[in-house]
């Protein structure tokens, strides 16, 4: 059965006081709408999932590669495709709202083993 959803239908999870997210997923794709406080840092990590990040407001500074060889700032309206298994780190500059898509869905987010975000 196909079901209509809105972001208002999806509960907000407080990952930390500085990170809140709403997640919707299917068999092969996941989408998350997230809000971050200024200064929140996503530590260097990688995952098997292809990721697309779309910034709605604020700025995200990304570093890509094991040694953070590439730096990139994304502002409102900017998007980036992050290939599977590419190490990346992010810093929120100002309060940030953004939407991420992953294929396949992030199992660590679904089962609560995403400890790298909760520290």
PDB file of N, CA and C in Angstrom:
ATOM      1  N   UNK A   1       0.842  -1.183   0.000  1.00  0.00           N
ATOM      2  CA  UNK A   1       0.000   0.000   0.000  1.00  0.00           C
ATOM      3  C   UNK A   1       0.885   1.243   0.000  1.00  0.00           C
ATOM      4  N   UNK A   2       0.613   2.158  -0.884  1.00  0.00           N
ATOM      5  CA  UNK A   2       1.336   3.422  -0.970  1.00  0.00           C
ATOM      6  C   UNK A   2       0.693   4.411  -0.011  1.00  0.00           C
ATOM      7  N   UNK A   3       1.512   5.124   0.737  1.00  0.00           N
ATOM      8  CA  UNK A   3       1.016   6.019   1.787  1.00  0.00           C
ATOM      9  C   UNK A   3       1.585   7.423   1.608  1.00  0.00           C
ATOM     10  N   UNK A   4       0.734   8.428   1.663  1.00  0.00           N
ATOM     11  CA  UNK A   4       1.157   9.825   1.560  1.00  0.00           C
ATOM     12  C   UNK A   4       1.709  10.289   2.907  1.00  0.00           C
ATOM     13  N   UNK A   5       2.816  11.045   2.859  1.00  0.00           N
ATOM     14  CA  UNK A   5       3.442  11.570   4.076  1.00  0.00           C
ATOM     15  C   UNK A   5       3.765  13.044   3.871  1.00  0.00           C
ATOM     16  N   UNK A   6       3.853  13.778   4.982  1.00  0.00           N
ATOM     17  CA  UNK A   6       4.422  15.120   4.994  1.00  0.00           C
ATOM     18  C   UNK A   6       5.488  15.124   6.088  1.00  0.00           C
ATOM     19  N   UNK A   7       6.379  16.124   6.062  1.00  0.00           N
ATOM     20  CA  UNK A   7       7.376  16.212   7.118  1.00  0.00           C
ATOM     21  C   UNK A   7       6.715  16.346   8.484  1.00  0.00           C
ATOM     22  N   UNK A   8       5.540  16.973   8.548  1.00  0.00           N
ATOM     23  CA  UNK A   8       4.830  17.119   9.824  1.00  0.00           C
ATOM     24  C   UNK A   8       4.374  15.774  10.392  1.00  0.00           C
ATOM     25  N   UNK A   9       4.205  14.765   9.537  1.00  0.00           N
ATOM     26  CA  UNK A   9       3.787  13.428   9.978  1.00  0.00           C
ATOM     27  C   UNK A   9       4.922  12.639  10.637  1.00  0.00           C
ATOM     28  N   UNK A  10       6.146  13.058  10.378  1.00  0.00           N
ATOM     29  CA  UNK A  10       7.311  12.277  10.804  1.00  0.00           C
ATOM     30  C   UNK A  10       7.842  12.841  12.120  1.00  0.00           C
ATOM     31  N   UNK A  11       7.998  11.999  13.135  1.00  0.00           N
ATOM     32  CA  UNK A  11       8.500  12.498  14.422  1.00  0.00           C
ATOM     33  C   UNK A  11       9.945  12.994  14.315  1.00  0.00           C
ATOM     34  N   UNK A  12      10.256  13.987  15.124  1.00  0.00           N
ATOM     35  CA  UNK A  12      11.614  14.530  15.186  1.00  0.00           C
ATOM     36  C   UNK A  12      12.406  13.767  16.233  1.00  0.00           C
ATOM     37  N   UNK A  13      13.580  13.313  15.841  1.00  0.00           N
ATOM     38  CA  UNK A  13      14.489  12.631  16.762  1.00  0.00           C
ATOM     39  C   UNK A  13      15.569  13.625  17.183  1.00  0.00           C
ATOM     40  N   UNK A  14      15.778  13.751  18.488  1.00  0.00           N
ATOM     41  CA  UNK A  14      16.890  14.548  18.984  1.00  0.00           C
ATOM     42  C   UNK A  14      18.095  13.636  19.121  1.00  0.00           C
ATOM     43  N   UNK A  15      19.022  13.746  18.181  1.00  0.00           N
ATOM     44  CA  UNK A  15      20.238  12.941  18.210  1.00  0.00           C
ATOM     45  C   UNK A  15      21.149  13.488  19.306  1.00  0.00           C
ATOM     46  N   UNK A  16      21.309  14.810  19.314  1.00  0.00           N
ATOM     47  CA  UNK A  16      21.972  15.558  20.387  1.00  0.00           C
ATOM     48  C   UNK A  16      21.185  16.859  20.509  1.00  0.00           C
ATOM     49  N   UNK A  17      21.428  17.660  21.547  1.00  0.00           N
ATOM     50  CA  UNK A  17      20.732  18.943  21.616  1.00  0.00           C
ATOM     51  C   UNK A  17      21.019  19.849  20.408  1.00  0.00           C
ATOM     52  N   UNK A  18      22.120  19.596  19.693  1.00  0.00           N
ATOM     53  CA  UNK A  18      22.494  20.411  18.541  1.00  0.00           C
ATOM     54  C   UNK A  18      22.105  19.796  17.210  1.00  0.00           C
ATOM     55  N   UNK A  19      21.525  18.586  17.207  1.00  0.00           N
ATOM     56  CA  UNK A  19      21.151  17.911  15.958  1.00  0.00           C
ATOM     57  C   UNK A  19      19.791  17.241  16.109  1.00  0.00           C
ATOM     58  N   UNK A  20      18.879  17.602  15.230  1.00  0.00           N
ATOM     59  CA  UNK A  20      17.546  17.005  15.185  1.00  0.00           C
ATOM     60  C   UNK A  20      17.290  16.514  13.764  1.00  0.00           C
ATOM     61  N   UNK A  21      16.591  15.376  13.648  1.00  0.00           N
ATOM     62  CA  UNK A  21      16.335  14.841  12.311  1.00  0.00           C
ATOM     63  C   UNK A  21      14.974  14.163  12.232  1.00  0.00           C
ATOM     64  N   UNK A  22      14.462  14.135  11.007  1.00  0.00           N
ATOM     65  CA  UNK A  22      13.262  13.387  10.647  1.00  0.00           C
ATOM     66  C   UNK A  22      13.686  12.455   9.512  1.00  0.00           C
ATOM     67  N   UNK A  23      13.300  11.197   9.586  1.00  0.00           N
ATOM     68  CA  UNK A  23      13.758  10.209   8.607  1.00  0.00           C
ATOM     69  C   UNK A  23      12.564   9.482   7.993  1.00  0.00           C
ATOM     70  N   UNK A  24      12.620   9.325   6.673  1.00  0.00           N
ATOM     71  CA  UNK A  24      11.655   8.502   5.947  1.00  0.00           C
ATOM     72  C   UNK A  24      12.462   7.566   5.058  1.00  0.00           C
ATOM     73  N   UNK A  25      12.100   6.290   5.015  1.00  0.00           N
ATOM     74  CA  UNK A  25      12.869   5.339   4.216  1.00  0.00           C
ATOM     75  C   UNK A  25      11.957   4.299   3.605  1.00  0.00           C
ATOM     76  N   UNK A  26      12.466   3.754   2.510  1.00  0.00           N
ATOM     77  CA  UNK A  26      11.843   2.637   1.832  1.00  0.00           C
ATOM     78  C   UNK A  26      12.844   1.507   1.761  1.00  0.00           C
ATOM     79  N   UNK A  27      12.633   0.609   0.834  1.00  0.00           N
ATOM     80  CA  UNK A  27      13.517  -0.546   0.702  1.00  0.00           C
ATOM     81  C   UNK A  27      14.910  -0.143   0.210  1.00  0.00           C
ATOM     82  N   UNK A  28      14.986   0.822  -0.722  1.00  0.00           N
ATOM     83  CA  UNK A  28      16.251   1.136  -1.363  1.00  0.00           C
ATOM     84  C   UNK A  28      16.716   2.571  -1.200  1.00  0.00           C
ATOM     85  N   UNK A  29      15.939   3.416  -0.528  1.00  0.00           N
ATOM     86  CA  UNK A  29      16.266   4.834  -0.435  1.00  0.00           C
ATOM     87  C   UNK A  29      15.833   5.390   0.914  1.00  0.00           C
ATOM     88  N   UNK A  30      16.612   6.343   1.427  1.00  0.00           N
ATOM     89  CA  UNK A  30      16.288   7.030   2.680  1.00  0.00           C
ATOM     90  C   UNK A  30      16.430   8.525   2.456  1.00  0.00           C
ATOM     91  N   UNK A  31      15.566   9.307   3.101  1.00  0.00           N
ATOM     92  CA  UNK A  31      15.670  10.757   3.093  1.00  0.00           C
ATOM     93  C   UNK A  31      15.578  11.235   4.538  1.00  0.00           C
ATOM     94  N   UNK A  32      16.372  12.254   4.853  1.00  0.00           N
ATOM     95  CA  UNK A  32      16.349  12.813   6.208  1.00  0.00           C
ATOM     96  C   UNK A  32      16.369  14.328   6.100  1.00  0.00           C
ATOM     97  N   UNK A  33      15.508  14.967   6.883  1.00  0.00           N
ATOM     98  CA  UNK A  33      15.504  16.420   7.005  1.00  0.00           C
ATOM     99  C   UNK A  33      16.100  16.730   8.362  1.00  0.00           C
ATOM    100  N   UNK A  34      17.165  17.549   8.367  1.00  0.00           N
ATOM    101  CA  UNK A  34      17.901  17.755   9.604  1.00  0.00           C
ATOM    102  C   UNK A  34      18.108  19.226   9.895  1.00  0.00           C
ATOM    103  N   UNK A  35      18.196  19.518  11.204  1.00  0.00           N
ATOM    104  CA  UNK A  35      18.527  20.852  11.682  1.00  0.00           C
ATOM    105  C   UNK A  35      19.703  20.727  12.636  1.00  0.00           C
ATOM    106  N   UNK A  36      20.687  21.614  12.441  1.00  0.00           N
ATOM    107  CA  UNK A  36      21.898  21.629  13.252  1.00  0.00           C
ATOM    108  C   UNK A  36      22.105  23.022  13.825  1.00  0.00           C
ATOM    109  N   UNK A  37      22.651  23.082  15.012  1.00  0.00           N
ATOM    110  CA  UNK A  37      23.063  24.353  15.609  1.00  0.00           C
ATOM    111  C   UNK A  37      24.453  24.726  15.088  1.00  0.00           C
ATOM    112  N   UNK A  38      24.716  26.018  15.067  1.00  0.00           N
ATOM    113  CA  UNK A  38      26.011  26.545  14.651  1.00  0.00           C
ATOM    114  C   UNK A  38      27.139  25.838  15.396  1.00  0.00           C
ATOM    115  N   UNK A  39      28.159  25.422  14.655  1.00  0.00           N
ATOM    116  CA  UNK A  39      29.329  24.793  15.257  1.00  0.00           C
ATOM    117  C   UNK A  39      29.260  23.281  15.363  1.00  0.00           C
ATOM    118  N   UNK A  40      28.098  22.673  15.067  1.00  0.00           N
ATOM    119  CA  UNK A  40      28.008  21.211  15.136  1.00  0.00           C
ATOM    120  C   UNK A  40      28.977  20.609  14.122  1.00  0.00           C
ATOM    121  N   UNK A  41      29.716  19.594  14.555  1.00  0.00           N
ATOM    122  CA  UNK A  41      30.684  18.943  13.686  1.00  0.00           C
ATOM    123  C   UNK A  41      30.333  17.478  13.509  1.00  0.00           C
ATOM    124  N   UNK A  42      30.256  17.050  12.257  1.00  0.00           N
ATOM    125  CA  UNK A  42      30.107  15.632  11.926  1.00  0.00           C
ATOM    126  C   UNK A  42      31.524  15.113  11.714  1.00  0.00           C
ATOM    127  N   UNK A  43      32.010  14.209  12.582  1.00  0.00           N
ATOM    128  CA  UNK A  43      33.397  13.757  12.465  1.00  0.00           C
ATOM    129  C   UNK A  43      33.651  12.987  11.168  1.00  0.00           C
ATOM    130  N   UNK A  44      34.920  12.887  10.820  1.00  0.00           N
ATOM    131  CA  UNK A  44      35.318  12.151   9.628  1.00  0.00           C
ATOM    132  C   UNK A  44      34.780  10.723   9.705  1.00  0.00           C
ATOM    133  N   UNK A  45      34.086  10.322   8.660  1.00  0.00           N
ATOM    134  CA  UNK A  45      33.497   8.983   8.600  1.00  0.00           C
ATOM    135  C   UNK A  45      33.264   8.625   7.134  1.00  0.00           C
ATOM    136  N   UNK A  46      32.917   7.395   6.903  1.00  0.00           N
ATOM    137  CA  UNK A  46      32.514   6.958   5.564  1.00  0.00           C
ATOM    138  C   UNK A  46      31.469   5.871   5.727  1.00  0.00           C
ATOM    139  N   UNK A  47      30.755   5.604   4.640  1.00  0.00           N
ATOM    140  CA  UNK A  47      29.708   4.572   4.655  1.00  0.00           C
ATOM    141  C   UNK A  47      29.517   4.048   3.245  1.00  0.00           C
ATOM    142  N   UNK A  48      28.909   2.869   3.175  1.00  0.00           N
ATOM    143  CA  UNK A  48      28.691   2.221   1.881  1.00  0.00           C
ATOM    144  C   UNK A  48      27.640   2.939   1.044  1.00  0.00           C
ATOM    145  N   UNK A  49      26.893   3.857   1.646  1.00  0.00           N
ATOM    146  CA  UNK A  49      25.762   4.487   0.998  1.00  0.00           C
ATOM    147  C   UNK A  49      26.185   5.676   0.139  1.00  0.00           C
ATOM    148  N   UNK A  50      25.634   5.776  -1.055  1.00  0.00           N
ATOM    149  CA  UNK A  50      25.762   7.004  -1.826  1.00  0.00           C
ATOM    150  C   UNK A  50      24.895   8.056  -1.141  1.00  0.00           C
ATOM    151  N   UNK A  51      25.354   9.295  -1.099  1.00  0.00           N
ATOM    152  CA  UNK A  51      24.658  10.352  -0.357  1.00  0.00           C
ATOM    153  C   UNK A  51      24.525  11.592  -1.231  1.00  0.00           C
ATOM    154  N   UNK A  52      23.360  12.212  -1.181  1.00  0.00           N
ATOM    155  CA  UNK A  52      23.158  13.525  -1.783  1.00  0.00           C
ATOM    156  C   UNK A  52      22.734  14.459  -0.669  1.00  0.00           C
ATOM    157  N   UNK A  53      23.452  15.578  -0.521  1.00  0.00           N
ATOM    158  CA  UNK A  53      23.143  16.586   0.488  1.00  0.00           C
ATOM    159  C   UNK A  53      22.651  17.841  -0.217  1.00  0.00           C
ATOM    160  N   UNK A  54      21.547  18.405   0.293  1.00  0.00           N
ATOM    161  CA  UNK A  54      20.945  19.633  -0.241  1.00  0.00           C
ATOM    162  C   UNK A  54      20.759  20.595   0.924  1.00  0.00           C
ATOM    163  N   UNK A  55      21.441  21.731   0.872  1.00  0.00           N
ATOM    164  CA  UNK A  55      21.371  22.721   1.941  1.00  0.00           C
ATOM    165  C   UNK A  55      20.170  23.638   1.714  1.00  0.00           C
ATOM    166  N   UNK A  56      19.359  23.796   2.748  1.00  0.00           N
ATOM    167  CA  UNK A  56      18.199  24.693   2.697  1.00  0.00           C
ATOM    168  C   UNK A  56      18.578  26.056   3.267  1.00  0.00           C
ATOM    169  N   UNK A  57      19.265  26.063   4.428  1.00  0.00           N
ATOM    170  CA  UNK A  57      19.699  27.325   5.032  1.00  0.00           C
ATOM    171  C   UNK A  57      20.986  27.092   5.811  1.00  0.00           C
ATOM    172  N   UNK A  58      21.768  28.169   5.970  1.00  0.00           N
ATOM    173  CA  UNK A  58      23.057  28.069   6.637  1.00  0.00           C
ATOM    174  C   UNK A  58      24.130  27.605   5.663  1.00  0.00           C
ATOM    175  N   UNK A  59      25.284  27.273   6.208  1.00  0.00           N
ATOM    176  CA  UNK A  59      26.419  26.818   5.394  1.00  0.00           C
ATOM    177  C   UNK A  59      27.002  25.560   6.018  1.00  0.00           C
ATOM    178  N   UNK A  60      27.317  24.587   5.172  1.00  0.00           N
ATOM    179  CA  UNK A  60      28.027  23.387   5.602  1.00  0.00           C
ATOM    180  C   UNK A  60      29.392  23.400   4.938  1.00  0.00           C
ATOM    181  N   UNK A  61      30.442  23.303   5.748  1.00  0.00           N
ATOM    182  CA  UNK A  61      31.795  23.160   5.219  1.00  0.00           C
ATOM    183  C   UNK A  61      32.142  21.675   5.268  1.00  0.00           C
ATOM    184  N   UNK A  62      32.382  21.103   4.099  1.00  0.00           N
ATOM    185  CA  UNK A  62      32.763  19.699   3.985  1.00  0.00           C
ATOM    186  C   UNK A  62      34.251  19.578   3.718  1.00  0.00           C
ATOM    187  N   UNK A  63      34.830  18.494   4.241  1.00  0.00           N
ATOM    188  CA  UNK A  63      36.160  18.046   3.866  1.00  0.00           C
ATOM    189  C   UNK A  63      36.006  16.629   3.354  1.00  0.00           C
ATOM    190  N   UNK A  64      36.634  16.330   2.211  1.00  0.00           N
ATOM    191  CA  UNK A  64      36.536  15.021   1.582  1.00  0.00           C
ATOM    192  C   UNK A  64      37.917  14.389   1.477  1.00  0.00           C
ATOM    193  N   UNK A  65      37.969  13.074   1.677  1.00  0.00           N
ATOM    194  CA  UNK A  65      39.206  12.314   1.577  1.00  0.00           C
ATOM    195  C   UNK A  65      39.747  11.978   2.954  1.00  0.00           C
ATOM    196  N   UNK A  66      40.538  10.909   3.013  1.00  0.00           N
ATOM    197  CA  UNK A  66      41.096  10.450   4.286  1.00  0.00           C
ATOM    198  C   UNK A  66      41.913  11.531   4.980  1.00  0.00           C
ATOM    199  N   UNK A  67      42.598  12.351   4.186  1.00  0.00           N
ATOM    200  CA  UNK A  67      43.418  13.428   4.732  1.00  0.00           C
ATOM    201  C   UNK A  67      42.778  14.795   4.501  1.00  0.00           C
ATOM    202  N   UNK A  68      41.465  14.775   4.261  1.00  0.00           N
ATOM    203  CA  UNK A  68      40.685  16.004   4.027  1.00  0.00           C
ATOM    204  C   UNK A  68      41.300  16.834   2.893  1.00  0.00           C
ATOM    205  N   UNK A  69      41.616  16.149   1.779  1.00  0.00           N
ATOM    206  CA  UNK A  69      42.289  16.783   0.653  1.00  0.00           C
ATOM    207  C   UNK A  69      41.442  17.860  -0.015  1.00  0.00           C
ATOM    208  N   UNK A  70      40.122  17.705   0.002  1.00  0.00           N
ATOM    209  CA  UNK A  70      39.246  18.667  -0.672  1.00  0.00           C
ATOM    210  C   UNK A  70      38.322  19.329   0.340  1.00  0.00           C
ATOM    211  N   UNK A  71      38.207  20.643   0.267  1.00  0.00           N
ATOM    212  CA  UNK A  71      37.296  21.411   1.133  1.00  0.00           C
ATOM    213  C   UNK A  71      36.246  22.075   0.249  1.00  0.00           C
ATOM    214  N   UNK A  72      35.004  22.103   0.736  1.00  0.00           N
ATOM    215  CA  UNK A  72      33.918  22.674  -0.047  1.00  0.00           C
ATOM    216  C   UNK A  72      32.869  23.267   0.892  1.00  0.00           C
ATOM    217  N   UNK A  73      32.453  24.497   0.626  1.00  0.00           N
ATOM    218  CA  UNK A  73      31.351  25.115   1.364  1.00  0.00           C
ATOM    219  C   UNK A  73      30.087  25.025   0.535  1.00  0.00           C
ATOM    220  N   UNK A  74      28.997  24.597   1.187  1.00  0.00           N
ATOM    221  CA  UNK A  74      27.684  24.545   0.546  1.00  0.00           C
ATOM    222  C   UNK A  74      26.753  25.506   1.268  1.00  0.00           C
ATOM    223  N   UNK A  75      26.089  26.363   0.514  1.00  0.00           N
ATOM    224  CA  UNK A  75      25.124  27.294   1.070  1.00  0.00           C
ATOM    225  C   UNK A  75      23.724  26.971   0.567  1.00  0.00           C
ATOM    226  N   UNK A  76      22.753  27.822   0.897  1.00  0.00           N
ATOM    227  CA  UNK A  76      21.372  27.567   0.511  1.00  0.00           C
ATOM    228  C   UNK A  76      21.222  27.295  -0.994  1.00  0.00           C
ATOM    229  N   UNK A  77      20.584  26.177  -1.303  1.00  0.00           N
ATOM    230  CA  UNK A  77      20.364  25.771  -2.684  1.00  0.00           C
ATOM    231  C   UNK A  77      21.454  24.891  -3.259  1.00  0.00           C
ATOM    232  N   UNK A  78      22.619  24.823  -2.594  1.00  0.00           N
ATOM    233  CA  UNK A  78      23.716  23.993  -3.094  1.00  0.00           C
ATOM    234  C   UNK A  78      23.484  22.524  -2.764  1.00  0.00           C
ATOM    235  N   UNK A  79      23.991  21.671  -3.657  1.00  0.00           N
ATOM    236  CA  UNK A  79      23.878  20.226  -3.479  1.00  0.00           C
ATOM    237  C   UNK A  79      25.197  19.576  -3.839  1.00  0.00           C
ATOM    238  N   UNK A  80      25.440  18.396  -3.272  1.00  0.00           N
ATOM    239  CA  UNK A  80      26.634  17.626  -3.595  1.00  0.00           C
ATOM    240  C   UNK A  80      26.282  16.136  -3.537  1.00  0.00           C
ATOM    241  N   UNK A  81      26.883  15.369  -4.436  1.00  0.00           N
ATOM    242  CA  UNK A  81      26.776  13.904  -4.423  1.00  0.00           C
ATOM    243  C   UNK A  81      28.061  13.376  -3.805  1.00  0.00           C
ATOM    244  N   UNK A  82      27.927  12.610  -2.735  1.00  0.00           N
ATOM    245  CA  UNK A  82      29.069  12.011  -2.056  1.00  0.00           C
ATOM    246  C   UNK A  82      29.089  10.518  -2.401  1.00  0.00           C
ATOM    247  N   UNK A  83      30.126  10.071  -3.115  1.00  0.00           N
ATOM    248  CA  UNK A  83      30.172   8.664  -3.516  1.00  0.00           C
ATOM    249  C   UNK A  83      30.293   7.726  -2.312  1.00  0.00           C
ATOM    250  N   UNK A  84      29.889   6.474  -2.495  1.00  0.00           N
ATOM    251  CA  UNK A  84      30.044   5.492  -1.424  1.00  0.00           C
ATOM    252  C   UNK A  84      31.499   5.375  -0.984  1.00  0.00           C
ATOM    253  N   UNK A  85      31.693   5.176   0.321  1.00  0.00           N
ATOM    254  CA  UNK A  85      32.994   4.904   0.935  1.00  0.00           C
ATOM    255  C   UNK A  85      33.990   6.068   0.887  1.00  0.00           C
ATOM    256  N   UNK A  86      33.555   7.264   0.513  1.00  0.00           N
ATOM    257  CA  UNK A  86      34.445   8.427   0.520  1.00  0.00           C
ATOM    258  C   UNK A  86      34.445   9.050   1.915  1.00  0.00           C
ATOM    259  N   UNK A  87      35.589   9.072   2.607  1.00  0.00           N
ATOM    260  CA  UNK A  87      35.616   9.722   3.922  1.00  0.00           C
ATOM    261  C   UNK A  87      35.236  11.201   3.793  1.00  0.00           C
ATOM    262  N   UNK A  88      34.416  11.668   4.736  1.00  0.00           N
ATOM    263  CA  UNK A  88      34.006  13.066   4.735  1.00  0.00           C
ATOM    264  C   UNK A  88      33.703  13.529   6.148  1.00  0.00           C
ATOM    265  N   UNK A  89      33.895  14.829   6.350  1.00  0.00           N
ATOM    266  CA  UNK A  89      33.654  15.493   7.626  1.00  0.00           C
ATOM    267  C   UNK A  89      32.890  16.771   7.307  1.00  0.00           C
ATOM    268  N   UNK A  90      32.107  17.274   8.282  1.00  0.00           N
ATOM    269  CA  UNK A  90      31.334  18.487   8.016  1.00  0.00           C
ATOM    270  C   UNK A  90      31.257  19.361   9.261  1.00  0.00           C
ATOM    271  N   UNK A  91      31.254  20.663   9.032  1.00  0.00           N
ATOM    272  CA  UNK A  91      31.096  21.661  10.083  1.00  0.00           C
ATOM    273  C   UNK A  91      29.953  22.581   9.706  1.00  0.00           C
ATOM    274  N   UNK A  92      29.025  22.799  10.651  1.00  0.00           N
ATOM    275  CA  UNK A  92      27.903  23.688  10.417  1.00  0.00           C
ATOM    276  C   UNK A  92      28.319  25.121  10.763  1.00  0.00           C
ATOM    277  N   UNK A  93      28.134  26.013   9.808  1.00  0.00           N
ATOM    278  CA  UNK A  93      28.463  27.420   9.987  1.00  0.00           C
ATOM    279  C   UNK A  93      27.140  28.178  10.008  1.00  0.00           C
ATOM    280  N   UNK A  94      26.769  28.657  11.190  1.00  0.00           N
ATOM    281  CA  UNK A  94      25.426  29.178  11.399  1.00  0.00           C
ATOM    282  C   UNK A  94      24.489  28.010  11.627  1.00  0.00           C
ATOM    283  N   UNK A  95      23.256  28.291  12.004  1.00  0.00           N
ATOM    284  CA  UNK A  95      22.259  27.228  12.120  1.00  0.00           C
ATOM    285  C   UNK A  95      21.970  26.711  10.715  1.00  0.00           C
ATOM    286  N   UNK A  96      21.904  25.399  10.576  1.00  0.00           N
ATOM    287  CA  UNK A  96      21.769  24.770   9.262  1.00  0.00           C
ATOM    288  C   UNK A  96      20.519  23.914   9.216  1.00  0.00           C
ATOM    289  N   UNK A  97      19.799  24.005   8.099  1.00  0.00           N
ATOM    290  CA  UNK A  97      18.736  23.055   7.774  1.00  0.00           C
ATOM    291  C   UNK A  97      19.116  22.448   6.432  1.00  0.00           C
ATOM    292  N   UNK A  98      19.022  21.129   6.347  1.00  0.00           N
ATOM    293  CA  UNK A  98      19.413  20.445   5.109  1.00  0.00           C
ATOM    294  C   UNK A  98      18.664  19.135   4.962  1.00  0.00           C
ATOM    295  N   UNK A  99      18.702  18.605   3.746  1.00  0.00           N
ATOM    296  CA  UNK A  99      18.072  17.327   3.441  1.00  0.00           C
ATOM    297  C   UNK A  99      19.120  16.417   2.831  1.00  0.00           C
ATOM    298  N   UNK A 100      19.223  15.197   3.361  1.00  0.00           N
ATOM    299  CA  UNK A 100      20.132  14.184   2.820  1.00  0.00           C
ATOM    300  C   UNK A 100      19.319  13.027   2.270  1.00  0.00           C
ATOM    301  N   UNK A 101      19.847  12.433   1.206  1.00  0.00           N
ATOM    302  CA  UNK A 101      19.286  11.214   0.612  1.00  0.00           C
ATOM    303  C   UNK A 101      20.391  10.176   0.614  1.00  0.00           C
ATOM    304  N   UNK A 102      20.047   8.926   0.891  1.00  0.00           N
ATOM    305  CA  UNK A 102      21.015   7.824   0.842  1.00  0.00           C
ATOM    306  C   UNK A 102      20.413   6.633   0.121  1.00  0.00           C
ATOM    307  N   UNK A 103      21.272   5.941  -0.600  1.00  0.00           N
ATOM    308  CA  UNK A 103      20.906   4.658  -1.188  1.00  0.00           C
ATOM    309  C   UNK A 103      22.095   3.730  -0.989  1.00  0.00           C
ATOM    310  N   UNK A 104      21.872   2.572  -0.398  1.00  0.00           N
ATOM    311  CA  UNK A 104      20.647   2.142   0.287  1.00  0.00           C
ATOM    312  C   UNK A 104      20.455   2.911   1.598  1.00  0.00           C
ATOM    313  N   UNK A 105      19.330   2.676   2.293  1.00  0.00           N
ATOM    314  CA  UNK A 105      19.096   3.345   3.586  1.00  0.00           C
ATOM    315  C   UNK A 105      20.234   3.089   4.576  1.00  0.00           C
ATOM    316  N   UNK A 106      20.460   4.068   5.455  1.00  0.00           N
ATOM    317  CA  UNK A 106      21.507   3.975   6.480  1.00  0.00           C
ATOM    318  C   UNK A 106      21.030   3.070   7.612  1.00  0.00           C
ATOM    319  N   UNK A 107      21.492   1.849   7.641  1.00  0.00           N
ATOM    320  CA  UNK A 107      21.086   0.909   8.677  1.00  0.00           C
ATOM    321  C   UNK A 107      21.509   1.387  10.062  1.00  0.00           C
ATOM    322  N   UNK A 108      22.695   2.028  10.157  1.00  0.00           N
ATOM    323  CA  UNK A 108      23.158   2.513  11.463  1.00  0.00           C
ATOM    324  C   UNK A 108      22.221   3.589  12.024  1.00  0.00           C
ATOM    325  N   UNK A 109      21.583   4.363  11.162  1.00  0.00           N
ATOM    326  CA  UNK A 109      20.616   5.367  11.621  1.00  0.00           C
ATOM    327  C   UNK A 109      19.315   4.700  12.060  1.00  0.00           C
ATOM    328  N   UNK A 110      18.953   3.619  11.407  1.00  0.00           N
ATOM    329  CA  UNK A 110      17.699   2.939  11.745  1.00  0.00           C
ATOM    330  C   UNK A 110      17.819   2.126  13.028  1.00  0.00           C
ATOM    331  N   UNK A 111      18.999   1.547  13.278  1.00  0.00           N
ATOM    332  CA  UNK A 111      19.136   0.711  14.481  1.00  0.00           C
ATOM    333  C   UNK A 111      19.825   1.432  15.645  1.00  0.00           C
ATOM    334  N   UNK A 112      20.159   2.731  15.469  1.00  0.00           N
ATOM    335  CA  UNK A 112      20.700   3.520  16.571  1.00  0.00           C
ATOM    336  C   UNK A 112      22.172   3.299  16.856  1.00  0.00           C
ATOM    337  N   UNK A 113      22.912   2.730  15.878  1.00  0.00           N
ATOM    338  CA  UNK A 113      24.342   2.494  16.102  1.00  0.00           C
ATOM    339  C   UNK A 113      25.209   3.596  15.479  1.00  0.00           C
ATOM    340  N   UNK A 114      24.629   4.767  15.260  1.00  0.00           N
ATOM    341  CA  UNK A 114      25.343   5.907  14.674  1.00  0.00           C
ATOM    342  C   UNK A 114      26.027   6.729  15.765  1.00  0.00           C
ATOM    343  N   UNK A 115      26.856   6.042  16.571  1.00  0.00           N
ATOM    344  CA  UNK A 115      27.511   6.667  17.723  1.00  0.00           C
ATOM    345  C   UNK A 115      28.415   7.838  17.353  1.00  0.00           C
ATOM    346  N   UNK A 116      28.966   7.836  16.152  1.00  0.00           N
ATOM    347  CA  UNK A 116      29.857   8.917  15.737  1.00  0.00           C
ATOM    348  C   UNK A 116      29.152  10.279  15.787  1.00  0.00           C
ATOM    349  N   UNK A 117      27.830  10.293  15.668  1.00  0.00           N
ATOM    350  CA  UNK A 117      27.062  11.534  15.715  1.00  0.00           C
ATOM    351  C   UNK A 117      26.662  11.929  17.143  1.00  0.00           C
ATOM    352  N   UNK A 118      26.615  10.980  18.028  1.00  0.00           N
ATOM    353  CA  UNK A 118      26.043  11.193  19.364  1.00  0.00           C
ATOM    354  C   UNK A 118      27.074  11.612  20.401  1.00  0.00           C
ATOM    355  N   UNK A 119      28.336  11.725  20.027  1.00  0.00           N
ATOM    356  CA  UNK A 119      29.406  12.069  20.971  1.00  0.00           C
ATOM    357  C   UNK A 119      29.458  13.558  21.220  1.00  0.00           C
TER     358      UNK A 119
END
